[in-house]
C-alpha atoms as a PDB file:
ATOM      1  CA  MET A   1      75.770  99.005  68.077  1.00  0.00           C
ATOM      2  CA  SER A   2      77.028  95.396  68.043  1.00  0.00           C
ATOM      3  CA  MET A   3      80.302  94.230  66.589  1.00  0.00           C
ATOM      4  CA  ASN A   4      81.807  90.849  65.852  1.00  0.00           C
ATOM      5  CA  ILE A   5      84.893  89.473  67.582  1.00  0.00           C
ATOM      6  CA  GLY A   6      87.284  90.823  64.914  1.00  0.00           C
ATOM      7  CA  GLU A   7      85.891  94.326  65.224  1.00  0.00           C
ATOM      8  CA  ALA A   8      85.966  94.087  69.049  1.00  0.00           C
ATOM      9  CA  ALA A   9      89.563  92.881  68.838  1.00  0.00           C
ATOM     10  CA  ARG A  10      90.582  95.816  66.701  1.00  0.00           C
ATOM     11  CA  ALA A  11      88.660  98.287  68.875  1.00  0.00           C
ATOM     12  CA  SER A  12      90.119  96.979  72.137  1.00  0.00           C
ATOM     13  CA  GLY A  13      93.644  95.982  71.148  1.00  0.00           C
ATOM     14  CA  VAL A  14      93.028  92.438  72.446  1.00  0.00           C
ATOM     15  CA  THR A  15      93.378  89.540  70.038  1.00  0.00           C
ATOM     16  CA  ALA A  16      90.356  87.476  69.165  1.00  0.00           C
ATOM     17  CA  LYS A  17      92.121  84.440  70.631  1.00  0.00           C
ATOM     18  CA  MET A  18      92.611  86.205  73.970  1.00  0.00           C
ATOM     19  CA  ILE A  19      89.054  87.466  73.962  1.00  0.00           C
ATOM     20  CA  ARG A  20      87.835  83.853  73.626  1.00  0.00           C
ATOM     21  CA  HIS A  21      90.265  82.830  76.384  1.00  0.00           C
ATOM     22  CA  TYR A  22      88.978  85.551  78.735  1.00  0.00           C
ATOM     23  CA  GLU A  23      85.445  84.271  78.124  1.00  0.00           C
ATOM     24  CA  ASP A  24      86.516  80.647  78.644  1.00  0.00           C
ATOM     25  CA  ILE A  25      88.138  81.421  82.067  1.00  0.00           C
ATOM     26  CA  GLY A  26      85.173  83.594  83.098  1.00  0.00           C
ATOM     27  CA  LEU A  27      87.032  86.905  83.197  1.00  0.00           C
ATOM     28  CA  VAL A  28      84.423  88.340  80.850  1.00  0.00           C
ATOM     29  CA  PRO A  29      80.858  87.114  80.708  1.00  0.00           C
ATOM     30  CA  LYS A  30      79.636  84.868  77.914  1.00  0.00           C
ATOM     31  CA  MET A  31      78.803  87.126  75.012  1.00  0.00           C
ATOM     32  CA  ALA A  32      75.468  87.415  73.317  1.00  0.00           C
ATOM     33  CA  ARG A  33      75.238  85.508  70.076  1.00  0.00           C
ATOM     34  CA  SER A  34      73.724  86.340  66.691  1.00  0.00           C
ATOM     35  CA  ASP A  35      71.211  84.005  65.059  1.00  0.00           C
ATOM     36  CA  ALA A  36      74.180  82.561  63.132  1.00  0.00           C
ATOM     37  CA  GLY A  37      76.055  81.890  66.439  1.00  0.00           C
ATOM     38  CA  TYR A  38      78.644  84.678  66.179  1.00  0.00           C
ATOM     39  CA  ARG A  39      79.617  86.522  69.368  1.00  0.00           C
ATOM     40  CA  LEU A  40      78.258  90.058  69.574  1.00  0.00           C
ATOM     41  CA  TYR A  41      80.147  92.777  71.433  1.00  0.00           C
ATOM     42  CA  SER A  42      78.917  96.123  72.706  1.00  0.00           C
ATOM     43  CA  GLU A  43      80.908  99.297  73.441  1.00  0.00           C
ATOM     44  CA  ARG A  44      80.743  98.313  77.108  1.00  0.00           C
ATOM     45  CA  ASP A  45      82.318  94.925  76.273  1.00  0.00           C
ATOM     46  CA  VAL A  46      85.069  96.661  74.371  1.00  0.00           C
ATOM     47  CA  HIS A  47      85.651  99.030  77.250  1.00  0.00           C
ATOM     48  CA  LEU A  48      85.991  96.015  79.587  1.00  0.00           C
ATOM     49  CA  LEU A  49      88.505  94.426  77.201  1.00  0.00           C
ATOM     50  CA  ARG A  50      90.552  97.621  77.117  1.00  0.00           C
ATOM     51  CA  PHE A  51      90.552  97.591  80.945  1.00  0.00           C
ATOM     52  CA  ILE A  52      91.884  94.033  80.903  1.00  0.00           C
ATOM     53  CA  ARG A  53      94.503  94.880  78.291  1.00  0.00           C
ATOM     54  CA  GLN A  54      95.745  97.856  80.347  1.00  0.00           C
ATOM     55  CA  GLY A  55      95.867  95.683  83.464  1.00  0.00           C
ATOM     56  CA  ARG A  56      98.038  93.184  81.574  1.00  0.00           C
ATOM     57  CA  VAL A  57     100.300  95.979  80.313  1.00  0.00           C
ATOM     58  CA  LEU A  58     100.862  96.975  83.948  1.00  0.00           C
ATOM     59  CA  GLY A  59     101.725  93.382  84.778  1.00  0.00           C
ATOM     60  CA  PHE A  60      98.693  92.476  86.945  1.00  0.00           C
ATOM     61  CA  SER A  61      97.879  88.807  87.140  1.00  0.00           C
ATOM     62  CA  MET A  62      94.514  87.536  85.858  1.00  0.00           C
ATOM     63  CA  LYS A  63      93.327  87.160  89.437  1.00  0.00           C
ATOM     64  CA  GLN A  64      94.337  90.729  90.265  1.00  0.00           C
ATOM     65  CA  ILE A  65      92.605  91.952  87.085  1.00  0.00           C
ATOM     66  CA  ALA A  66      89.442  90.099  88.107  1.00  0.00           C
ATOM     67  CA  ASP A  67      89.621  91.741  91.521  1.00  0.00           C
ATOM     68  CA  LEU A  68      90.242  95.155  89.974  1.00  0.00           C
ATOM     69  CA  MET A  69      87.337  94.684  87.573  1.00  0.00           C
ATOM     70  CA  GLY A  70      85.053  93.836  90.452  1.00  0.00           C
ATOM     71  CA  LEU A  71      86.140  97.010  92.227  1.00  0.00           C
ATOM     72  CA  TRP A  72      85.809  99.041  89.026  1.00  0.00           C
ATOM     73  CA  LEU A  73      82.254  97.852  88.403  1.00  0.00           C
ATOM     74  CA  ASP A  74      81.282  98.459  92.079  1.00  0.00           C
ATOM     75  CA  GLN A  75      80.373 102.106  92.269  1.00  0.00           C
ATOM     76  CA  SER A  76      80.278 101.976  96.098  1.00  0.00           C
ATOM     77  CA  ARG A  77      83.862 100.582  96.347  1.00  0.00           C
ATOM     78  CA  PRO A  78      86.264 102.115  98.805  1.00  0.00           C
ATOM     79  CA  SER A  79      89.298 103.381  96.949  1.00  0.00           C
ATOM     80  CA  ARG A  80      91.537 102.035  99.733  1.00  0.00           C
ATOM     81  CA  LYS A  81      90.944  98.530  98.371  1.00  0.00           C
ATOM     82  CA  VAL A  82      92.112  99.562  94.907  1.00  0.00           C
ATOM     83  CA  LYS A  83      95.154 101.305  96.388  1.00  0.00           C
ATOM     84  CA  GLN A  84      95.954  98.250  98.529  1.00  0.00           C
ATOM     85  CA  LEU A  85      95.806  95.929  95.519  1.00  0.00           C
ATOM     86  CA  ALA A  86      97.998  98.267  93.454  1.00  0.00           C
ATOM     87  CA  SER A  87     100.457  98.677  96.393  1.00  0.00           C
ATOM     88  CA  GLU A  88     100.779  94.903  96.745  1.00  0.00           C
ATOM     89  CA  HIS A  89     101.451  94.710  93.008  1.00  0.00           C
ATOM     90  CA  ILE A  90     104.218  97.282  93.348  1.00  0.00           C
ATOM     91  CA  ASN A  91     105.790  95.170  96.117  1.00  0.00           C
ATOM     92  CA  ASP A  92     105.599  92.107  93.827  1.00  0.00           C
ATOM     93  CA  LEU A  93     107.207  94.063  91.019  1.00  0.00           C
ATOM     94  CA  ASP A  94     109.977  95.292  93.374  1.00  0.00           C
ATOM     95  CA  GLU A  95     110.740  91.654  94.295  1.00  0.00           C
ATOM     96  CA  LYS A  96     110.798  90.586  90.631  1.00  0.00           C
ATOM     97  CA  ILE A  97     113.174  93.482  89.878  1.00  0.00           C
ATOM     98  CA  ARG A  98     115.487  92.349  92.687  1.00  0.00           C
ATOM     99  CA  GLU A  99     115.437  88.782  91.320  1.00  0.00           C
ATOM    100  CA  LEU A 100     116.111  89.948  87.756  1.00  0.00           C
ATOM    101  CA  GLN A 101     118.999  92.152  88.960  1.00  0.00           C
ATOM    102  CA  ALA A 102     120.504  89.211  90.834  1.00  0.00           C
ATOM    103  CA  MET A 103     120.224  87.038  87.734  1.00  0.00           C
ATOM    104  CA  LYS A 104     121.828  89.752  85.606  1.00  0.00           C
ATOM    105  CA  SER A 105     124.673  90.186  88.087  1.00  0.00           C
ATOM    106  CA  THR A 106     125.370  86.439  88.171  1.00  0.00           C
ATOM    107  CA  LEU A 107     125.334  86.230  84.371  1.00  0.00           C
ATOM    108  CA  GLU A 108     127.644  89.232  84.056  1.00  0.00           C
ATOM    109  CA  GLN A 109     130.152  87.563  86.389  1.00  0.00           C
ATOM    110  CA  LEU A 110     129.970  84.311  84.464  1.00  0.00           C
ATOM    111  CA  VAL A 111     130.418  86.071  81.122  1.00  0.00           C
ATOM    112  CA  GLN A 112     133.351  87.994  82.552  1.00  0.00           C
ATOM    113  CA  HIS A 113     135.084  84.706  83.511  1.00  0.00           C
ATOM    114  CA  CYS A 114     134.404  82.961  80.246  1.00  0.00           C
ATOM    115  CA  HIS A 115     137.271  83.268  77.785  1.00  0.00           C
ATOM    116  CA  GLY A 116     135.010  82.982  74.794  1.00  0.00           C
ATOM    117  CA  ASP A 117     137.728  81.415  72.741  1.00  0.00           C
ATOM    118  CA  SER A 118     138.277  78.021  71.076  1.00  0.00           C
ATOM    119  CA  ARG A 119     138.787  76.181  74.383  1.00  0.00           C
ATOM    120  CA  PRO A 120     135.960  73.841  75.514  1.00  0.00           C
ATOM    121  CA  ASP A 121     135.973  74.893  79.177  1.00  0.00           C
ATOM    122  CA  CYS A 122     133.257  77.397  80.026  1.00  0.00           C
ATOM    123  CA  PRO A 123     132.283  78.722  83.405  1.00  0.00           C
ATOM    124  CA  ILE A 124     128.789  79.539  82.113  1.00  0.00           C
ATOM    125  CA  LEU A 125     128.092  75.927  81.254  1.00  0.00           C
ATOM    126  CA  ASP A 126     129.742  74.799  84.471  1.00  0.00           C
ATOM    127  CA  ALA A 127     127.446  77.000  86.509  1.00  0.00           C
ATOM    128  CA  LEU A 128     124.363  75.757  84.665  1.00  0.00           C
ATOM    129  CA  SER A 129     125.357  72.132  85.238  1.00  0.00           C
ATOM    130  CA  CYS A 130     125.760  72.621  89.004  1.00  0.00           C
ATOM    131  CA  HIS A 131     122.908  71.480  91.224  1.00  0.00           C
END
């Protein structure tokens, strides 16, 4: 059964705009077209779009998703490659978490030192204007 891009978008949870983008960057193959030129999607295509959406939900980059898709489609893949890619992503997430926590801590200190009254002096703006 074939479906158009709107139906594929609803079925996969990926917007039509993103589906076109994924096709443009080569993450998904060029879709078959109807005689009228409309893209036609199969259940397999929708399954692939769901895979991409779930990868994005987990914070994987487009490159990582492409690598994961290659492994997913390769039935002879060693699972250690998948685990390695996921472990590297966990390490990246841990680093981002540390960076966000440092930002939060800095902002909390700045907010604590700002009087928040009618005076013009503000340590938050002072910190932002420093090089």
